[in-house]
Amino acid sequence: MAAPEKEAVQTYGRKKTATAVAHCKRGKGLIKINGSPIHLVEPEILRFKVYEPILILGQSKFDNVDIRVRVRGGGHTSQVYAIRQAIAKAIVAFYQKYVDEAQKKEIKDLLIRYDRTLLVADPRRCEPKKFGGPGARARYQKSYR
């Protein structure tokens, strides 16, 4: 006989080359990023960017779930944006799968009204450099004499 299925969802957030994978399951409100608590996110200036989904929805929505996030690639800022997207998508997916559709819709609407990038990835990527100039679009200066 198979073990009972655990109530868990896995989502990801992306920004540039940073990828954050969030595992969300029933629990007591723990949110950990790479094994350390959410209030230890560095740099300190970007800490509130990670808190945004929690501040928008209220702590009560997160009291019955544990979220563990693993993040790789990119720089500090990209990682923070990937983490906040992964957390927001995880809570929406969890409420859709294990709570009810009405609450999920309410959560999704709140998040999208605040900032669309909490649920939708930013498709912009770095354009590669071409020959004939110092960058992707800039050309070397031309002289006629």
N, C-alpha and C. Protein backbone atom coordinates (compact mmCIF):
# COMPACT_ATOMS: atom_id res chain seq x y z
N MET A 1 0.84 -1.19 0.00
CA MET A 1 0.00 0.00 0.00
C MET A 1 0.88 1.25 0.00
N ALA A 2 0.56 2.21 -0.84
CA ALA A 2 1.36 3.44 -0.97
C ALA A 2 1.09 4.37 0.21
N ALA A 3 2.11 5.15 0.55
CA ALA A 3 1.98 6.13 1.63
C ALA A 3 1.03 7.24 1.18
N PRO A 4 0.31 7.88 2.13
CA PRO A 4 -0.59 8.97 1.72
C PRO A 4 0.20 10.13 1.12
N GLU A 5 -0.39 10.72 0.09
CA GLU A 5 0.30 11.80 -0.63
C GLU A 5 0.41 13.04 0.24
N LYS A 6 1.60 13.60 0.31
CA LYS A 6 1.84 14.82 1.08
C LYS A 6 1.28 16.01 0.29
N GLU A 7 0.72 16.96 1.01
CA GLU A 7 0.20 18.16 0.36
C GLU A 7 1.36 19.10 0.09
N ALA A 8 1.88 19.06 -1.13
CA ALA A 8 3.03 19.90 -1.48
C ALA A 8 2.97 20.31 -2.94
N VAL A 9 3.51 21.50 -3.22
CA VAL A 9 3.65 21.97 -4.60
C VAL A 9 5.07 22.49 -4.80
N GLN A 10 5.50 22.43 -6.05
CA GLN A 10 6.83 22.94 -6.40
C GLN A 10 6.67 23.95 -7.52
N THR A 11 7.23 25.15 -7.32
CA THR A 11 7.16 26.19 -8.35
C THR A 11 8.54 26.80 -8.52
N TYR A 12 8.69 27.60 -9.56
CA TYR A 12 9.98 28.26 -9.77
C TYR A 12 9.76 29.72 -10.14
N GLY A 13 10.78 30.51 -9.88
CA GLY A 13 10.78 31.92 -10.28
C GLY A 13 12.07 32.18 -11.03
N ARG A 14 12.02 33.03 -12.04
CA ARG A 14 13.23 33.32 -12.83
C ARG A 14 13.38 34.81 -13.06
N LYS A 15 14.63 35.25 -13.08
CA LYS A 15 14.97 36.62 -13.45
C LYS A 15 16.37 36.54 -14.04
N LYS A 16 16.51 36.96 -15.31
CA LYS A 16 17.78 36.86 -16.03
C LYS A 16 18.29 35.42 -15.93
N THR A 17 19.45 35.19 -15.29
CA THR A 17 19.96 33.81 -15.21
C THR A 17 19.75 33.19 -13.83
N ALA A 18 19.08 33.90 -12.92
CA ALA A 18 18.81 33.36 -11.58
C ALA A 18 17.54 32.52 -11.62
N THR A 19 17.59 31.34 -10.99
CA THR A 19 16.43 30.47 -10.91
C THR A 19 16.21 30.08 -9.46
N ALA A 20 14.99 30.29 -8.96
CA ALA A 20 14.64 29.92 -7.59
C ALA A 20 13.54 28.86 -7.66
N VAL A 21 13.74 27.75 -6.95
CA VAL A 21 12.74 26.69 -6.90
C VAL A 21 12.15 26.66 -5.49
N ALA A 22 10.83 26.79 -5.39
CA ALA A 22 10.15 26.82 -4.09
C ALA A 22 9.34 25.55 -3.88
N HIS A 23 9.51 24.93 -2.71
CA HIS A 23 8.72 23.77 -2.29
C HIS A 23 7.79 24.26 -1.19
N CYS A 24 6.49 24.15 -1.42
CA CYS A 24 5.49 24.65 -0.47
C CYS A 24 4.67 23.47 0.04
N LYS A 25 4.62 23.30 1.38
CA LYS A 25 3.82 22.22 1.96
C LYS A 25 3.14 22.70 3.23
N ARG A 26 2.18 21.92 3.72
CA ARG A 26 1.51 22.29 4.97
C ARG A 26 2.53 22.34 6.09
N GLY A 27 2.39 23.32 6.96
CA GLY A 27 3.35 23.46 8.05
C GLY A 27 2.93 24.55 9.01
N LYS A 28 3.93 25.21 9.59
CA LYS A 28 3.62 26.21 10.61
C LYS A 28 4.18 27.60 10.30
N GLY A 29 4.34 27.93 9.03
CA GLY A 29 4.71 29.28 8.65
C GLY A 29 6.19 29.55 8.46
N LEU A 30 6.99 28.50 8.30
CA LEU A 30 8.43 28.69 8.07
C LEU A 30 8.69 29.07 6.62
N ILE A 31 9.56 30.04 6.40
CA ILE A 31 10.01 30.35 5.04
C ILE A 31 11.53 30.38 5.08
N LYS A 32 12.16 29.45 4.35
CA LYS A 32 13.62 29.38 4.35
C LYS A 32 14.15 29.54 2.94
N ILE A 33 15.28 30.25 2.83
CA ILE A 33 15.92 30.47 1.54
C ILE A 33 17.33 29.91 1.62
N ASN A 34 17.63 28.91 0.80
CA ASN A 34 18.91 28.20 0.84
C ASN A 34 19.24 27.75 2.26
N GLY A 35 18.22 27.31 3.00
CA GLY A 35 18.44 26.77 4.35
C GLY A 35 18.44 27.78 5.47
N SER A 36 18.45 29.09 5.18
CA SER A 36 18.45 30.08 6.25
C SER A 36 17.12 30.85 6.25
N PRO A 37 16.70 31.35 7.42
CA PRO A 37 15.40 32.04 7.52
C PRO A 37 15.32 33.27 6.60
N ILE A 38 14.10 33.62 6.24
CA ILE A 38 13.87 34.72 5.29
C ILE A 38 14.37 36.07 5.81
N HIS A 39 14.40 36.25 7.14
CA HIS A 39 14.82 37.55 7.68
C HIS A 39 16.33 37.75 7.65
N LEU A 40 17.08 36.76 7.14
CA LEU A 40 18.53 36.90 7.00
C LEU A 40 18.97 37.14 5.56
N VAL A 41 18.01 37.45 4.68
CA VAL A 41 18.33 37.69 3.27
C VAL A 41 19.28 38.88 3.14
N GLU A 42 20.34 38.70 2.38
CA GLU A 42 21.30 39.77 2.11
C GLU A 42 21.22 40.09 0.62
N PRO A 43 21.44 41.29 0.15
CA PRO A 43 21.68 42.51 0.91
C PRO A 43 20.42 43.00 1.61
N GLU A 44 20.62 43.72 2.70
CA GLU A 44 19.53 44.18 3.56
C GLU A 44 18.53 45.07 2.81
N ILE A 45 19.03 45.88 1.88
CA ILE A 45 18.17 46.80 1.12
C ILE A 45 17.11 46.03 0.34
N LEU A 46 17.47 44.85 -0.15
CA LEU A 46 16.55 44.06 -0.97
C LEU A 46 15.67 43.12 -0.14
N ARG A 47 15.86 43.10 1.17
CA ARG A 47 15.10 42.18 2.03
C ARG A 47 13.60 42.40 1.90
N PHE A 48 13.17 43.66 1.81
CA PHE A 48 11.73 43.93 1.72
C PHE A 48 11.15 43.50 0.38
N LYS A 49 11.98 43.39 -0.65
CA LYS A 49 11.51 42.86 -1.94
C LYS A 49 11.08 41.40 -1.76
N VAL A 50 11.83 40.65 -0.93
CA VAL A 50 11.48 39.25 -0.66
C VAL A 50 10.22 39.18 0.21
N TYR A 51 10.06 40.15 1.12
CA TYR A 51 8.89 40.18 2.01
C TYR A 51 7.60 40.58 1.28
N GLU A 52 7.71 41.17 0.09
CA GLU A 52 6.54 41.73 -0.59
C GLU A 52 5.33 40.79 -0.66
N PRO A 53 5.48 39.53 -1.12
CA PRO A 53 4.29 38.66 -1.17
C PRO A 53 3.63 38.50 0.20
N ILE A 54 4.44 38.43 1.27
CA ILE A 54 3.92 38.26 2.62
C ILE A 54 3.21 39.53 3.09
N LEU A 55 3.82 40.68 2.80
CA LEU A 55 3.23 41.96 3.22
C LEU A 55 1.92 42.25 2.47
N ILE A 56 1.86 41.87 1.20
CA ILE A 56 0.66 42.13 0.39
C ILE A 56 -0.50 41.25 0.86
N LEU A 57 -0.22 39.95 1.03
CA LEU A 57 -1.28 38.99 1.35
C LEU A 57 -1.58 38.90 2.84
N GLY A 58 -0.64 39.34 3.68
CA GLY A 58 -0.82 39.21 5.13
C GLY A 58 -0.24 37.90 5.63
N GLN A 59 0.31 37.95 6.83
CA GLN A 59 0.97 36.77 7.42
C GLN A 59 0.01 35.59 7.56
N SER A 60 -1.29 35.85 7.74
CA SER A 60 -2.27 34.78 7.97
C SER A 60 -2.31 33.76 6.84
N LYS A 61 -2.08 34.20 5.60
CA LYS A 61 -2.10 33.28 4.45
C LYS A 61 -0.91 32.31 4.49
N PHE A 62 0.17 32.71 5.18
CA PHE A 62 1.39 31.91 5.22
C PHE A 62 1.53 31.09 6.51
N ASP A 63 0.58 31.25 7.46
CA ASP A 63 0.70 30.59 8.76
C ASP A 63 0.59 29.07 8.69
N ASN A 64 -0.13 28.54 7.70
CA ASN A 64 -0.32 27.09 7.63
C ASN A 64 0.54 26.42 6.56
N VAL A 65 1.52 27.14 6.01
CA VAL A 65 2.41 26.55 5.00
C VAL A 65 3.88 26.79 5.33
N ASP A 66 4.71 25.84 4.95
CA ASP A 66 6.17 25.99 5.01
C ASP A 66 6.67 26.13 3.58
N ILE A 67 7.55 27.09 3.34
CA ILE A 67 8.11 27.28 2.00
C ILE A 67 9.63 27.20 2.10
N ARG A 68 10.21 26.31 1.29
CA ARG A 68 11.67 26.21 1.22
C ARG A 68 12.09 26.58 -0.20
N VAL A 69 13.01 27.53 -0.30
CA VAL A 69 13.44 28.03 -1.61
C VAL A 69 14.92 27.74 -1.81
N ARG A 70 15.26 27.22 -3.00
CA ARG A 70 16.65 27.04 -3.40
C ARG A 70 16.89 27.96 -4.59
N VAL A 71 17.94 28.77 -4.52
CA VAL A 71 18.19 29.72 -5.61
C VAL A 71 19.62 29.58 -6.10
N ARG A 72 19.78 29.63 -7.44
CA ARG A 72 21.10 29.51 -8.07
C ARG A 72 21.19 30.48 -9.24
N GLY A 73 22.42 30.85 -9.57
CA GLY A 73 22.69 31.68 -10.74
C GLY A 73 22.38 33.14 -10.52
N GLY A 74 22.83 33.97 -11.46
CA GLY A 74 22.54 35.40 -11.42
C GLY A 74 23.28 36.14 -10.33
N GLY A 75 22.93 37.41 -10.16
CA GLY A 75 23.51 38.25 -9.12
C GLY A 75 22.55 38.40 -7.95
N HIS A 76 22.90 39.25 -6.99
CA HIS A 76 22.09 39.41 -5.78
C HIS A 76 20.67 39.88 -6.11
N THR A 77 20.56 40.91 -6.93
CA THR A 77 19.25 41.49 -7.23
C THR A 77 18.38 40.50 -8.01
N SER A 78 18.97 39.85 -9.01
CA SER A 78 18.21 38.87 -9.80
C SER A 78 17.73 37.73 -8.92
N GLN A 79 18.58 37.29 -8.00
CA GLN A 79 18.19 36.20 -7.09
C GLN A 79 17.01 36.62 -6.22
N VAL A 80 17.04 37.84 -5.72
CA VAL A 80 15.95 38.34 -4.87
C VAL A 80 14.64 38.37 -5.66
N TYR A 81 14.68 38.85 -6.90
CA TYR A 81 13.47 38.90 -7.73
C TYR A 81 12.98 37.49 -8.07
N ALA A 82 13.90 36.55 -8.28
CA ALA A 82 13.52 35.16 -8.55
C ALA A 82 12.87 34.54 -7.31
N ILE A 83 13.41 34.83 -6.13
CA ILE A 83 12.87 34.30 -4.87
C ILE A 83 11.45 34.80 -4.64
N ARG A 84 11.23 36.11 -4.81
CA ARG A 84 9.90 36.66 -4.55
C ARG A 84 8.87 36.10 -5.52
N GLN A 85 9.29 35.86 -6.77
CA GLN A 85 8.39 35.27 -7.75
C GLN A 85 8.06 33.82 -7.38
N ALA A 86 9.08 33.07 -6.96
CA ALA A 86 8.87 31.66 -6.58
C ALA A 86 7.92 31.56 -5.39
N ILE A 87 8.09 32.43 -4.39
CA ILE A 87 7.23 32.41 -3.20
C ILE A 87 5.79 32.74 -3.58
N ALA A 88 5.60 33.78 -4.40
CA ALA A 88 4.25 34.19 -4.81
C ALA A 88 3.57 33.08 -5.62
N LYS A 89 4.31 32.48 -6.55
CA LYS A 89 3.73 31.41 -7.37
C LYS A 89 3.42 30.17 -6.53
N ALA A 90 4.26 29.91 -5.52
CA ALA A 90 4.06 28.74 -4.65
C ALA A 90 2.77 28.87 -3.85
N ILE A 91 2.53 30.05 -3.29
CA ILE A 91 1.33 30.24 -2.47
C ILE A 91 0.07 30.16 -3.33
N VAL A 92 0.13 30.69 -4.55
CA VAL A 92 -1.01 30.61 -5.46
C VAL A 92 -1.29 29.15 -5.84
N ALA A 93 -0.23 28.41 -6.19
CA ALA A 93 -0.39 27.00 -6.58
C ALA A 93 -0.91 26.16 -5.42
N PHE A 94 -0.42 26.43 -4.21
CA PHE A 94 -0.86 25.67 -3.03
C PHE A 94 -2.34 25.91 -2.76
N TYR A 95 -2.76 27.17 -2.81
CA TYR A 95 -4.17 27.48 -2.56
C TYR A 95 -5.07 26.91 -3.65
N GLN A 96 -4.57 26.87 -4.88
CA GLN A 96 -5.37 26.30 -5.98
C GLN A 96 -5.56 24.80 -5.79
N LYS A 97 -4.49 24.12 -5.38
CA LYS A 97 -4.52 22.66 -5.32
C LYS A 97 -5.16 22.13 -4.05
N TYR A 98 -4.90 22.79 -2.91
CA TYR A 98 -5.31 22.21 -1.63
C TYR A 98 -6.30 23.03 -0.81
N VAL A 99 -6.55 24.28 -1.17
CA VAL A 99 -7.52 25.07 -0.40
C VAL A 99 -8.75 25.26 -1.29
N ASP A 100 -9.02 26.45 -1.78
CA ASP A 100 -10.14 26.60 -2.72
C ASP A 100 -9.85 27.66 -3.77
N GLU A 101 -10.58 27.53 -4.86
CA GLU A 101 -10.36 28.36 -6.05
C GLU A 101 -10.66 29.83 -5.79
N ALA A 102 -11.66 30.12 -4.96
CA ALA A 102 -12.03 31.52 -4.69
C ALA A 102 -10.90 32.26 -3.99
N GLN A 103 -10.31 31.63 -2.97
CA GLN A 103 -9.19 32.26 -2.25
C GLN A 103 -7.98 32.41 -3.16
N LYS A 104 -7.76 31.42 -4.02
CA LYS A 104 -6.64 31.47 -4.97
C LYS A 104 -6.81 32.65 -5.91
N LYS A 105 -8.04 32.85 -6.40
CA LYS A 105 -8.30 33.96 -7.32
C LYS A 105 -8.08 35.30 -6.62
N GLU A 106 -8.52 35.39 -5.37
CA GLU A 106 -8.35 36.61 -4.57
C GLU A 106 -6.86 36.93 -4.38
N ILE A 107 -6.07 35.90 -4.05
CA ILE A 107 -4.61 36.05 -3.86
C ILE A 107 -3.96 36.51 -5.16
N LYS A 108 -4.31 35.83 -6.25
CA LYS A 108 -3.72 36.13 -7.56
C LYS A 108 -4.03 37.58 -7.98
N ASP A 109 -5.27 38.00 -7.78
CA ASP A 109 -5.66 39.37 -8.15
C ASP A 109 -4.89 40.41 -7.34
N LEU A 110 -4.74 40.15 -6.03
CA LEU A 110 -3.98 41.07 -5.17
C LEU A 110 -2.54 41.21 -5.64
N LEU A 111 -1.91 40.07 -5.94
CA LEU A 111 -0.51 40.07 -6.37
C LEU A 111 -0.33 40.78 -7.71
N ILE A 112 -1.22 40.50 -8.66
CA ILE A 112 -1.10 41.10 -9.99
C ILE A 112 -1.38 42.60 -9.93
N ARG A 113 -2.32 43.01 -9.08
CA ARG A 113 -2.61 44.44 -8.93
C ARG A 113 -1.40 45.18 -8.36
N TYR A 114 -0.66 44.52 -7.47
CA TYR A 114 0.52 45.16 -6.89
C TYR A 114 1.68 45.20 -7.88
N ASP A 115 2.06 44.01 -8.41
CA ASP A 115 3.19 43.93 -9.33
C ASP A 115 3.07 42.65 -10.15
N ARG A 116 2.92 42.80 -11.45
CA ARG A 116 2.70 41.65 -12.33
C ARG A 116 3.89 40.69 -12.33
N THR A 117 5.12 41.20 -12.11
CA THR A 117 6.30 40.32 -12.16
C THR A 117 6.36 39.35 -10.98
N LEU A 118 5.45 39.50 -10.00
CA LEU A 118 5.38 38.52 -8.91
C LEU A 118 4.90 37.16 -9.43
N LEU A 119 4.12 37.17 -10.51
CA LEU A 119 3.60 35.90 -11.06
C LEU A 119 4.04 35.63 -12.49
N VAL A 120 4.43 36.68 -13.22
CA VAL A 120 4.81 36.51 -14.62
C VAL A 120 6.28 36.86 -14.79
N ALA A 121 7.04 35.96 -15.41
CA ALA A 121 8.48 36.16 -15.58
C ALA A 121 8.77 37.30 -16.55
N ASP A 122 9.90 37.95 -16.34
CA ASP A 122 10.37 39.04 -17.19
C ASP A 122 11.19 38.41 -18.33
N PRO A 123 10.74 38.51 -19.59
CA PRO A 123 11.43 37.79 -20.67
C PRO A 123 12.71 38.45 -21.17
N ARG A 124 13.05 39.64 -20.67
CA ARG A 124 14.23 40.35 -21.20
C ARG A 124 15.51 39.60 -20.88
N ARG A 125 16.39 39.50 -21.87
CA ARG A 125 17.69 38.85 -21.70
C ARG A 125 18.76 39.77 -22.23
N CYS A 126 20.00 39.52 -21.84
CA CYS A 126 21.13 40.34 -22.27
C CYS A 126 21.43 40.05 -23.74
N GLU A 127 21.56 41.09 -24.54
CA GLU A 127 21.83 40.92 -25.97
C GLU A 127 23.33 40.71 -26.18
N PRO A 128 23.72 39.74 -26.99
CA PRO A 128 25.15 39.48 -27.18
C PRO A 128 25.85 40.59 -27.97
N LYS A 129 27.11 40.79 -27.68
CA LYS A 129 27.94 41.78 -28.36
C LYS A 129 28.22 41.32 -29.79
N LYS A 130 28.25 42.29 -30.73
CA LYS A 130 28.62 41.99 -32.11
C LYS A 130 29.94 42.67 -32.45
N PHE A 131 30.54 42.24 -33.56
CA PHE A 131 31.80 42.86 -34.00
C PHE A 131 31.53 44.26 -34.54
N GLY A 132 32.56 45.08 -34.60
CA GLY A 132 32.44 46.42 -35.16
C GLY A 132 32.04 47.47 -34.14
N GLY A 133 32.04 47.12 -32.89
CA GLY A 133 31.67 48.08 -31.86
C GLY A 133 31.99 47.57 -30.47
N PRO A 134 31.90 48.45 -29.47
CA PRO A 134 32.23 48.05 -28.10
C PRO A 134 31.12 47.28 -27.39
N GLY A 135 29.90 47.30 -27.93
CA GLY A 135 28.79 46.63 -27.27
C GLY A 135 27.84 45.99 -28.27
N ALA A 136 26.63 45.68 -27.81
CA ALA A 136 25.64 45.01 -28.65
C ALA A 136 25.14 45.91 -29.78
N ARG A 137 24.92 47.18 -29.51
CA ARG A 137 24.38 48.09 -30.52
C ARG A 137 25.35 49.22 -30.89
N ALA A 138 26.16 49.69 -29.94
CA ALA A 138 27.07 50.81 -30.19
C ALA A 138 28.14 50.42 -31.20
N ARG A 139 28.48 51.37 -32.08
CA ARG A 139 29.52 51.13 -33.09
C ARG A 139 30.74 51.99 -32.76
N TYR A 140 31.89 51.57 -33.27
CA TYR A 140 33.09 52.39 -33.10
C TYR A 140 32.93 53.67 -33.92
N GLN A 141 33.56 54.75 -33.46
CA GLN A 141 33.44 56.05 -34.11
C GLN A 141 34.06 56.00 -35.51
N LYS A 142 33.39 56.67 -36.46
CA LYS A 142 33.84 56.66 -37.85
C LYS A 142 34.52 57.99 -38.17
N SER A 143 35.66 57.92 -38.85
CA SER A 143 36.39 59.13 -39.22
C SER A 143 36.52 59.19 -40.74
N TYR A 144 36.31 60.39 -41.33
CA TYR A 144 36.39 60.51 -42.79
C TYR A 144 37.74 61.00 -43.27
N ARG A 145 38.59 61.51 -42.41
CA ARG A 145 39.90 61.99 -42.88
C ARG A 145 40.97 61.74 -41.84
